[in-house]
């Protein structure tokens, strides 16, 4: 795939390679095809969890969360502009698709079955390691340019760095055979530690789910306000009569801000203003989905 491929070339590529029926680049904004392209390079995304026909922002965000987890796992530092891509605008999706096509051209897997992978829920055990090695992408090789012309221009190619896989040492125990459960071969102290670690992992999972719910709750509020203001702005620019007063607009925005959804409770002041609360929140440069 040539650098700066045209829309028609890109559409033909994704439809032929991944057996899809896309008719315009804007359809890529739901994130599904980006996941499929990434999977055809590394072969380790849970494609069965990718929704190719999302009906809500939450489902689309889930697609991008899967994609970003792959970027993080393979140490690809190029930003995924989720908010811009989700708006399904031509220019943003065209640029990102051009970059991914370049990455695919230099690193694609052989004998990739897109239909079979879409039915997969877990990564294949041999994906990305069929030749006895794995690919590692440096920050500079797979990171697209963030400044200058908005036209995709990759100054560096995504290089494949081969690393030999060393066999892991095997621990042998005399006496009872060690099993994956709490068998007699595991000392009681280790069993207790495993139990505590599993309990901590379960607790962290619940915290993660709670944070995701809270994030989506506030994101949807911002999205509703954005749609409201965009509609009003379009009317003002087209000289159409605006049938809403300033008081009504403020009231509508407040209604969105203070609305709640089933299953989500806004934290009370005691919860948010407790001692040490300011140390519980760490600011990061970009949100990971």
Protein backbone atom coordinates (compact mmCIF):
# COMPACT_ATOMS: atom_id res chain seq x y z
CA UNK A 1 0.00 0.00 0.00
CA UNK A 2 1.54 3.28 -1.10
CA UNK A 3 2.05 6.17 1.31
CA UNK A 4 -0.78 8.67 1.03
CA UNK A 5 -3.10 6.18 -0.71
CA UNK A 6 -6.36 7.58 -2.04
CA UNK A 7 -9.78 6.94 -0.56
CA UNK A 8 -10.74 4.48 -3.28
CA UNK A 9 -7.48 2.56 -2.87
CA UNK A 10 -7.93 2.34 0.88
CA UNK A 11 -11.54 1.19 0.59
CA UNK A 12 -10.59 -1.47 -1.94
CA UNK A 13 -7.78 -2.61 0.34
CA UNK A 14 -9.87 -3.03 3.51
CA UNK A 15 -12.81 -4.59 1.67
CA UNK A 16 -10.62 -7.09 -0.17
CA UNK A 17 -8.23 -7.90 2.65
CA UNK A 18 -10.78 -8.11 5.45
CA UNK A 19 -13.87 -9.15 3.47
CA UNK A 20 -15.88 -6.07 4.39
CA UNK A 21 -18.36 -3.90 2.50
CA UNK A 22 -17.38 -0.38 3.47
CA UNK A 23 -18.51 2.34 1.07
CA UNK A 24 -16.81 5.36 2.64
CA UNK A 25 -13.83 6.13 4.84
CA UNK A 26 -16.02 7.70 7.51
CA UNK A 27 -17.33 4.23 8.44
CA UNK A 28 -13.90 3.44 9.88
CA UNK A 29 -14.70 5.83 12.74
CA UNK A 30 -16.31 3.07 14.80
CA UNK A 31 -12.83 1.62 15.34
CA UNK A 32 -13.62 -1.95 14.26
CA UNK A 33 -11.55 -2.03 11.07
CA UNK A 34 -8.60 -0.45 12.88
CA UNK A 35 -8.72 -3.36 15.32
CA UNK A 36 -8.83 -5.82 12.42
CA UNK A 37 -5.84 -4.19 10.70
CA UNK A 38 -3.85 -4.26 13.94
CA UNK A 39 -4.81 -7.90 14.48
CA UNK A 40 -3.59 -8.78 10.97
CA UNK A 41 -0.18 -7.43 12.00
CA UNK A 42 0.20 -8.95 15.46
CA UNK A 43 -2.60 -11.51 15.61
CA UNK A 44 -3.32 -11.08 19.31
CA UNK A 45 -6.43 -8.89 19.66
CA UNK A 46 -9.65 -10.49 21.01
CA UNK A 47 -11.51 -9.85 17.76
CA UNK A 48 -14.62 -11.62 19.03
CA UNK A 49 -15.14 -8.68 21.39
CA UNK A 50 -14.88 -6.08 18.61
CA UNK A 51 -18.27 -4.73 17.52
CA UNK A 52 -18.42 -4.04 13.78
CA UNK A 53 -21.89 -2.50 14.06
CA UNK A 54 -21.84 -0.43 17.27
CA UNK A 55 -25.04 1.39 18.14
CA UNK A 56 -23.73 3.53 21.00
CA UNK A 57 -20.68 5.56 21.97
CA UNK A 58 -19.95 3.02 24.69
CA UNK A 59 -19.62 0.18 22.16
CA UNK A 60 -17.40 2.34 19.95
CA UNK A 61 -15.23 3.26 22.94
CA UNK A 62 -14.88 -0.44 23.72
CA UNK A 63 -13.46 -0.99 20.23
CA UNK A 64 -10.90 1.74 20.77
CA UNK A 65 -10.08 0.41 24.22
CA UNK A 66 -9.20 -2.93 22.62
CA UNK A 67 -7.09 -1.15 19.99
CA UNK A 68 -5.24 0.97 22.53
CA UNK A 69 -4.50 -2.07 24.68
CA UNK A 70 -2.76 -3.57 21.65
CA UNK A 71 -0.77 -0.38 21.07
CA UNK A 72 0.33 -0.41 24.70
CA UNK A 73 1.21 -4.11 24.67
CA UNK A 74 3.47 -3.72 21.63
CA UNK A 75 4.89 -0.38 22.81
CA UNK A 76 3.55 1.65 19.90
CA UNK A 77 3.44 5.23 21.13
CA UNK A 78 1.56 6.87 18.27
CA UNK A 79 -1.52 8.62 19.60
CA UNK A 80 -4.91 7.18 18.73
CA UNK A 81 -7.11 10.32 18.43
CA UNK A 82 -10.23 8.56 19.70
CA UNK A 83 -12.47 11.62 20.06
CA UNK A 84 -11.73 12.87 16.54
CA UNK A 85 -12.03 9.45 14.92
CA UNK A 86 -15.35 8.78 16.68
CA UNK A 87 -16.86 11.83 14.99
CA UNK A 88 -16.49 9.90 11.71
CA UNK A 89 -14.99 12.82 9.84
CA UNK A 90 -13.24 12.07 6.57
CA UNK A 91 -9.91 13.81 7.10
CA UNK A 92 -9.15 12.38 10.55
CA UNK A 93 -10.03 8.82 9.57
CA UNK A 94 -8.26 9.10 6.22
CA UNK A 95 -5.00 10.12 7.89
CA UNK A 96 -5.15 7.40 10.52
CA UNK A 97 -6.12 4.74 7.97
CA UNK A 98 -3.20 5.79 5.74
CA UNK A 99 -0.83 5.41 8.68
CA UNK A 100 -2.21 1.98 9.56
CA UNK A 101 -1.97 0.83 5.94
CA UNK A 102 1.73 1.75 5.97
CA UNK A 103 2.24 -0.16 9.22
CA UNK A 104 0.39 -3.15 7.75
CA UNK A 105 2.39 -3.13 4.50
CA UNK A 106 5.65 -3.48 6.39
CA UNK A 107 4.57 -5.95 9.07
CA UNK A 108 1.52 -7.95 7.92
CA UNK A 109 1.04 -11.58 8.88
CA UNK A 110 0.88 -14.28 6.22
CA UNK A 111 -2.21 -16.46 5.82
CA UNK A 112 -4.47 -14.17 7.85
CA UNK A 113 -8.14 -15.22 7.88
CA UNK A 114 -10.22 -12.12 8.79
CA UNK A 115 -13.53 -13.96 9.05
CA UNK A 116 -12.16 -16.63 11.37
CA UNK A 117 -10.44 -14.03 13.53
CA UNK A 118 -13.65 -12.04 13.93
CA UNK A 119 -15.13 -15.10 15.59
CA UNK A 120 -12.18 -15.49 17.94
CA UNK A 121 -12.46 -14.39 21.56
CA UNK A 122 -8.88 -15.14 22.58
CA UNK A 123 -5.58 -14.57 20.78
CA UNK A 124 -4.25 -17.64 18.94
CA UNK A 125 -1.47 -19.39 20.84
CA UNK A 126 0.95 -19.18 17.91
CA UNK A 127 0.09 -15.66 16.71
CA UNK A 128 3.13 -13.53 16.02
CA UNK A 129 5.55 -16.30 16.99
CA UNK A 130 5.30 -18.81 14.17
CA UNK A 131 8.90 -18.19 13.16
CA UNK A 132 10.23 -18.55 16.69
CA UNK A 133 10.50 -14.85 17.29
CA UNK A 134 8.36 -11.86 18.18
CA UNK A 135 8.19 -8.34 16.84
CA UNK A 136 9.07 -5.34 18.98
CA UNK A 137 8.32 -1.80 17.80
CA UNK A 138 10.37 1.06 19.12
CA UNK A 139 8.75 4.36 20.03
CA UNK A 140 10.24 6.12 17.01
CA UNK A 141 9.54 3.50 14.34
CA UNK A 142 5.82 3.05 14.81
CA UNK A 143 5.02 6.53 16.08
CA UNK A 144 3.45 8.67 13.35
CA UNK A 145 4.28 12.35 13.02
CA UNK A 146 2.23 14.52 15.35
CA UNK A 147 3.05 17.92 13.80
CA UNK A 148 3.52 19.60 10.44
CA UNK A 149 1.25 18.76 7.55
CA UNK A 150 -1.97 16.96 8.42
CA UNK A 151 -1.39 14.80 5.35
CA UNK A 152 0.04 11.48 6.53
CA UNK A 153 3.79 11.44 6.05
CA UNK A 154 5.79 8.74 7.78
CA UNK A 155 9.46 9.72 7.92
CA UNK A 156 10.48 6.47 9.52
CA UNK A 157 9.39 2.94 8.77
CA UNK A 158 8.11 0.53 11.35
CA UNK A 159 11.08 -1.76 11.77
CA UNK A 160 10.93 -5.35 12.82
CA UNK A 161 13.33 -6.15 15.62
CA UNK A 162 13.81 -9.84 16.08
CA UNK A 163 14.59 -11.17 19.53
CA UNK A 164 15.35 -14.82 20.19
CA UNK A 165 12.97 -16.54 22.53
CA UNK A 166 14.90 -18.17 25.31
CA UNK A 167 13.38 -21.21 26.89
CA UNK A 168 12.27 -20.66 30.44
CA UNK A 169 13.95 -22.77 33.13
CA UNK A 170 11.84 -25.58 34.45
CA UNK A 171 11.47 -25.90 38.19
CA UNK A 172 11.33 -29.48 39.35
CA UNK A 173 10.12 -30.53 42.73
CA UNK A 174 10.74 -33.76 44.49
CA UNK A 175 7.84 -35.52 46.00
CA UNK A 176 4.30 -34.45 45.16
CA UNK A 177 3.64 -32.97 41.71
CA UNK A 178 2.72 -29.29 41.71
CA UNK A 179 -0.72 -28.64 40.23
CA UNK A 180 -2.39 -25.41 39.16
CA UNK A 181 -4.69 -25.49 42.18
CA UNK A 182 -4.08 -25.65 45.89
CA UNK A 183 -2.52 -29.10 45.81
CA UNK A 184 -0.39 -30.71 48.52
CA UNK A 185 2.78 -29.72 46.62
CA UNK A 186 2.29 -26.00 47.36
CA UNK A 187 3.41 -24.78 50.79
CA UNK A 188 0.67 -23.31 52.96
CA UNK A 189 2.35 -19.90 52.95
CA UNK A 190 2.30 -19.77 49.17
CA UNK A 191 -1.34 -20.87 49.12
CA UNK A 192 -2.28 -18.03 51.45
CA UNK A 193 -0.34 -15.53 49.32
CA UNK A 194 -2.09 -16.75 46.16
CA UNK A 195 -5.44 -16.40 47.88
CA UNK A 196 -4.66 -12.81 48.90
CA UNK A 197 -3.42 -11.91 45.42
CA UNK A 198 -6.57 -13.29 43.82
CA UNK A 199 -8.72 -11.31 46.24
CA UNK A 200 -6.76 -8.15 45.42
CA UNK A 201 -7.12 -8.80 41.70
CA UNK A 202 -10.87 -9.21 42.06
CA UNK A 203 -11.09 -5.99 44.07
CA UNK A 204 -9.07 -4.10 41.45
CA UNK A 205 -11.36 -5.44 38.75
CA UNK A 206 -14.40 -4.05 40.56
CA UNK A 207 -12.68 -0.67 40.98
CA UNK A 208 -11.82 -0.62 37.28
CA UNK A 209 -15.40 -1.37 36.28
CA UNK A 210 -16.64 1.38 38.60
CA UNK A 211 -14.21 3.91 37.12
CA UNK A 212 -15.20 2.95 33.58
CA UNK A 213 -18.86 3.45 34.43
CA UNK A 214 -18.10 6.88 35.91
CA UNK A 215 -15.99 7.88 32.90
CA UNK A 216 -18.70 6.90 30.43
CA UNK A 217 -21.33 8.69 32.53
CA UNK A 218 -19.54 12.04 32.30
CA UNK A 219 -18.41 11.50 28.71
CA UNK A 220 -22.03 11.06 27.62
CA UNK A 221 -22.95 14.32 29.37
CA UNK A 222 -20.24 16.18 27.48
CA UNK A 223 -21.32 14.54 24.25
CA UNK A 224 -24.95 15.62 24.77
CA UNK A 225 -23.88 19.21 25.46
CA UNK A 226 -21.63 19.17 22.39
CA UNK A 227 -24.50 18.03 20.16
CA UNK A 228 -26.77 20.70 21.64
CA UNK A 229 -24.28 23.51 21.03
CA UNK A 230 -23.38 22.26 17.56
CA UNK A 231 -27.02 22.27 16.49
CA UNK A 232 -27.44 25.79 17.84
CA UNK A 233 -24.25 26.95 16.11
CA UNK A 234 -25.39 25.51 12.77
CA UNK A 235 -28.68 27.38 13.03
CA UNK A 236 -26.90 30.63 13.81
CA UNK A 237 -24.52 30.22 10.87
CA UNK A 238 -27.32 29.41 8.44
CA UNK A 239 -29.38 32.40 9.59
CA UNK A 240 -32.22 30.10 10.60
CA UNK A 241 -34.53 31.39 13.31
CA UNK A 242 -33.46 30.17 16.74
CA UNK A 243 -36.52 29.04 18.64
CA UNK A 244 -34.84 28.83 22.04
CA UNK A 245 -34.14 31.58 24.54
CA UNK A 246 -31.00 31.94 26.61
CA UNK A 247 -32.95 30.92 29.70
CA UNK A 248 -34.16 27.74 27.98
CA UNK A 249 -30.64 26.93 26.77
CA UNK A 250 -29.18 27.29 30.25
CA UNK A 251 -32.00 25.19 31.67
CA UNK A 252 -31.38 22.46 29.11
CA UNK A 253 -27.65 22.36 29.84
CA UNK A 254 -28.31 22.19 33.58
CA UNK A 255 -30.76 19.36 33.00
CA UNK A 256 -28.02 17.41 31.21
CA UNK A 257 -25.44 18.19 33.90
CA UNK A 258 -27.60 17.12 36.83
CA UNK A 259 -29.29 14.11 35.25
CA UNK A 260 -28.45 10.63 36.53
CA UNK A 261 -28.68 7.17 35.07
CA UNK A 262 -29.74 3.89 36.61
CA UNK A 263 -26.86 2.07 38.24
CA UNK A 264 -24.69 5.16 38.74
CA UNK A 265 -24.61 7.34 41.83
CA UNK A 266 -22.75 10.66 41.96
CA UNK A 267 -20.27 10.63 44.89
CA UNK A 268 -21.29 12.75 47.87
CA UNK A 269 -19.23 15.68 49.12
CA UNK A 270 -17.97 13.56 52.02
CA UNK A 271 -16.61 11.04 49.54
CA UNK A 272 -15.03 13.57 47.21
CA UNK A 273 -13.61 15.95 49.85
CA UNK A 274 -12.21 13.40 52.26
CA UNK A 275 -8.64 13.66 53.66
CA UNK A 276 -5.93 12.86 51.15
CA UNK A 277 -8.34 12.94 48.24
CA UNK A 278 -6.09 15.24 46.25
CA UNK A 279 -3.41 12.54 46.30
CA UNK A 280 -5.76 9.89 44.94
CA UNK A 281 -6.05 11.50 41.51
CA UNK A 282 -3.06 11.39 39.20
CA UNK A 283 -3.15 13.61 36.14
CA UNK A 284 -2.04 11.96 32.92
CA UNK A 285 -1.42 13.41 29.49
CA UNK A 286 -3.94 11.26 27.68
CA UNK A 287 -6.80 9.02 28.67
CA UNK A 288 -6.48 5.28 28.13
CA UNK A 289 -9.71 3.51 27.14
